[in-house]
Protein backbone atom coordinates (compact mmCIF):
# COMPACT_ATOMS: atom_id res chain seq x y z
CA MET A 1 0.00 0.00 0.00
CA PHE A 2 1.34 3.45 -0.95
CA LYS A 3 2.02 5.71 2.02
CA LYS A 4 2.42 9.44 1.44
CA LYS A 5 5.83 10.75 2.48
CA LEU A 6 5.42 12.78 5.65
CA PRO A 7 7.17 16.10 6.33
CA SER A 8 10.29 15.88 8.49
CA GLN A 9 10.01 15.67 12.26
CA ASP A 10 11.74 19.06 12.62
CA HIS A 11 9.35 20.72 10.17
CA LEU A 12 6.29 19.25 11.89
CA CYS A 13 7.55 20.44 15.28
CA GLN A 14 7.99 23.94 13.83
CA LEU A 15 4.37 23.96 12.67
CA LEU A 16 2.52 22.07 15.38
CA ASP A 17 2.36 21.42 19.12
CA TYR A 18 1.11 18.06 20.36
CA ASP A 19 -0.36 17.31 23.78
CA PRO A 20 0.02 13.54 24.39
CA ALA A 21 -2.46 13.58 27.28
CA SER A 22 -5.32 15.07 25.24
CA GLY A 23 -4.20 13.95 21.77
CA ILE A 24 -4.76 17.44 20.37
CA LEU A 25 -2.57 19.14 17.77
CA THR A 26 -2.44 22.94 17.77
CA TRP A 27 -0.91 25.30 15.23
CA ARG A 28 2.18 27.18 16.36
CA GLY A 29 2.91 30.76 15.39
CA ARG A 30 4.96 30.83 12.19
CA PRO A 31 8.12 32.84 11.66
CA LEU A 32 8.43 35.37 8.83
CA SER A 33 10.75 33.01 6.91
CA MET A 34 7.75 30.76 6.14
CA PHE A 35 5.93 33.51 4.23
CA SER A 36 6.34 35.32 0.94
CA ALA A 37 4.46 38.18 -0.68
CA VAL A 38 1.15 37.04 -2.23
CA ASN A 39 -1.34 39.03 -4.33
CA GLY A 40 0.24 42.37 -3.44
CA ARG A 41 0.40 41.59 0.30
CA SER A 42 3.77 41.73 2.00
CA ALA A 43 5.24 38.67 3.71
CA GLN A 44 4.90 40.49 7.06
CA ASN A 45 1.19 41.07 6.43
CA CYS A 46 0.65 37.40 5.46
CA GLN A 47 2.46 36.27 8.60
CA LYS A 48 0.47 38.63 10.83
CA VAL A 49 -2.87 37.51 9.35
CA TRP A 50 -2.02 33.79 9.50
CA ASN A 51 -0.73 33.90 13.09
CA ALA A 52 -3.72 35.98 14.26
CA LYS A 53 -6.16 33.51 12.71
CA TYR A 54 -4.53 30.11 13.36
CA ALA A 55 -1.72 30.21 15.96
CA GLY A 56 -2.86 28.44 19.14
CA THR A 57 -5.97 26.94 17.54
CA GLN A 58 -6.70 23.24 17.19
CA ALA A 59 -5.33 21.82 13.94
CA GLY A 60 -7.32 19.56 11.68
CA ALA A 61 -10.85 18.85 10.58
CA LYS A 62 -12.86 15.93 11.91
CA ARG A 63 -13.72 13.61 9.09
CA THR A 64 -13.56 9.84 9.39
CA TYR A 65 -10.14 10.62 10.87
CA ILE A 66 -8.73 14.01 11.83
CA VAL A 67 -7.16 15.48 8.69
CA LEU A 68 -5.01 18.59 8.31
CA LYS A 69 -3.35 20.39 5.43
CA ILE A 70 0.29 21.31 5.43
CA GLU A 71 1.58 23.25 2.45
CA GLY A 72 -1.38 22.18 0.31
CA GLU A 73 -1.15 18.44 1.14
CA SER A 74 -3.67 16.59 3.33
CA TYR A 75 -2.34 14.34 6.10
CA LEU A 76 -3.92 12.13 8.74
CA ALA A 77 -3.26 13.64 12.17
CA HIS A 78 -2.38 10.33 13.84
CA ARG A 79 0.37 9.66 11.25
CA LEU A 80 1.83 13.15 11.80
CA ILE A 81 1.73 12.65 15.57
CA TRP A 82 3.64 9.38 15.26
CA LYS A 83 6.29 11.11 13.14
CA MET A 84 6.51 14.06 15.55
CA VAL A 85 7.02 11.87 18.61
CA THR A 86 9.19 9.05 17.24
CA GLY A 87 10.82 10.60 14.17
CA ASN A 88 9.78 7.56 12.11
CA ASP A 89 7.22 7.21 9.34
CA PRO A 90 4.66 4.71 10.64
CA ASP A 91 3.63 1.58 8.75
CA GLU A 92 0.00 1.77 9.84
CA ILE A 93 -1.41 3.40 12.97
CA ASP A 94 -4.02 1.58 15.02
CA HIS A 95 -6.29 3.37 17.49
CA ARG A 96 -6.43 0.84 20.35
CA ASP A 97 -9.88 1.95 21.55
CA ARG A 98 -11.21 2.10 17.94
CA ASN A 99 -12.08 5.82 18.33
CA LYS A 100 -10.60 7.39 15.20
CA HIS A 101 -10.57 10.86 16.79
CA ASN A 102 -8.74 9.80 19.98
CA ASN A 103 -5.11 10.64 19.21
CA ARG A 104 -3.81 10.37 22.77
CA TRP A 105 -0.32 8.88 22.69
CA GLY A 106 -1.30 5.82 24.76
CA ASN A 107 -4.08 5.03 22.28
CA LEU A 108 -1.85 4.91 19.18
CA ARG A 109 0.34 2.03 18.04
CA ASP A 110 2.36 1.41 14.88
CA THR A 111 1.37 -1.97 13.51
CA SER A 112 0.92 -4.03 10.39
CA HIS A 113 -2.24 -3.88 8.31
CA ALA A 114 -3.19 -7.43 9.41
CA VAL A 115 -2.98 -6.56 13.12
CA ASN A 116 -4.86 -3.29 12.55
CA MET A 117 -7.68 -5.19 10.81
CA ARG A 118 -8.01 -7.48 13.83
CA ASN A 119 -8.88 -4.47 15.96
CA LYS A 120 -12.27 -3.96 14.34
CA PRO A 121 -15.64 -3.89 16.08
CA ILE A 122 -18.08 -6.77 15.79
CA ASN A 123 -20.02 -6.75 12.54
CA ARG A 124 -23.55 -5.47 13.15
CA LEU A 125 -24.97 -8.61 11.50
CA ASN A 126 -23.11 -10.92 13.90
CA ALA A 127 -25.71 -13.11 15.64
CA SER A 128 -23.38 -14.65 18.26
CA GLY A 129 -22.29 -11.39 19.88
CA TYR A 130 -18.65 -12.56 19.65
CA LYS A 131 -15.98 -11.79 17.10
CA HIS A 132 -15.01 -14.66 14.79
CA ILE A 133 -17.98 -16.83 15.79
CA HIS A 134 -21.01 -17.38 13.57
CA TRP A 135 -23.90 -19.85 13.31
CA SER A 136 -23.95 -22.29 10.41
CA ALA A 137 -27.48 -23.45 9.62
CA LYS A 138 -26.03 -25.98 7.17
CA THR A 139 -24.06 -27.85 9.85
CA ASP A 140 -26.28 -26.81 12.79
CA ARG A 141 -23.13 -25.69 14.65
CA TRP A 142 -21.33 -22.60 15.89
CA VAL A 143 -18.25 -21.99 13.71
CA VAL A 144 -15.04 -20.29 14.84
CA GLN A 145 -13.31 -18.67 11.85
CA LEU A 146 -10.03 -16.73 11.99
CA SER A 147 -7.56 -15.17 9.60
CA ILE A 148 -4.37 -17.13 10.17
CA PRO A 149 -1.08 -15.51 9.08
CA GLY A 150 0.18 -17.14 5.89
CA ARG A 151 -2.91 -19.34 5.56
CA GLY A 152 -5.84 -16.93 5.12
CA GLN A 153 -9.35 -17.47 6.52
CA ARG A 154 -9.71 -20.81 8.32
CA GLN A 155 -12.52 -22.44 10.22
CA VAL A 156 -10.79 -23.66 13.38
CA ALA A 157 -13.71 -25.18 15.34
CA TRP A 158 -17.32 -26.33 15.03
CA THR A 159 -19.22 -26.63 18.30
CA ARG A 160 -22.75 -27.36 19.50
CA THR A 161 -22.84 -24.61 22.14
CA LEU A 162 -21.85 -20.96 22.07
CA ALA A 163 -19.83 -21.38 25.29
CA GLU A 164 -17.74 -24.11 23.64
CA ALA A 165 -17.22 -21.87 20.61
CA VAL A 166 -15.99 -18.99 22.81
CA ALA A 167 -13.55 -21.34 24.58
CA ALA A 168 -12.31 -22.69 21.22
CA ARG A 169 -11.93 -19.16 19.86
CA ASN A 170 -9.90 -18.04 22.90
CA ALA A 171 -7.62 -21.08 22.55
CA ALA A 172 -7.16 -20.29 18.84
CA TYR A 173 -6.37 -16.66 19.71
CA GLN A 174 -3.51 -17.82 21.91
CA LYS A 175 -2.29 -20.37 19.36
CA PHE A 176 -2.24 -17.89 16.45
CA GLY A 177 -0.97 -14.82 18.34
CA TYR A 178 -4.08 -12.66 18.59
CA ASP A 179 -4.12 -10.03 21.33
CA ILE A 180 -7.01 -11.30 23.46
CA ARG A 181 -7.58 -7.87 25.07
CA MET A 182 -8.17 -6.35 21.63
CA GLU A 183 -10.34 -9.22 20.40
CA ALA A 184 -12.54 -9.87 23.41
CA ALA A 185 -16.15 -8.98 22.86
């Protein structure tokens, strides 16, 4: 998957402040060197207007994720935060609590796409109330089905009771390296 190159850590820290406790990014005041004359306005005027309007305000617009523009390019706030704090471009950022607007540092983790996809809520059509467990009318059984690394989707157990299916699913989680705290539901 193509990942957009992020601005440097130094540049991001010149533009933004990040509060790890709240997860909020705010615009910093910009120095004159970041401005040039535009449409007959002096660089000093552009700087004064920009800083009066944006400096100290919360950065980003709430969409599916929080998005902000830097020099005409749109970026996901959680990816910028990761770069600001660690200095590294993240592979894929997972919000542990599944709240896409919660960018508190403790809620973010750099992970693979496969692990990120495991941290999804239960499908609204799920009849069992548990992730990875569904009823099969054809076999008259509860089926435990997981995505196993290197092997794809696999049915790992067929049980008569839901309780047995939950136990089988939890055993499969341990066997195949799922984070039970993230999967439990």
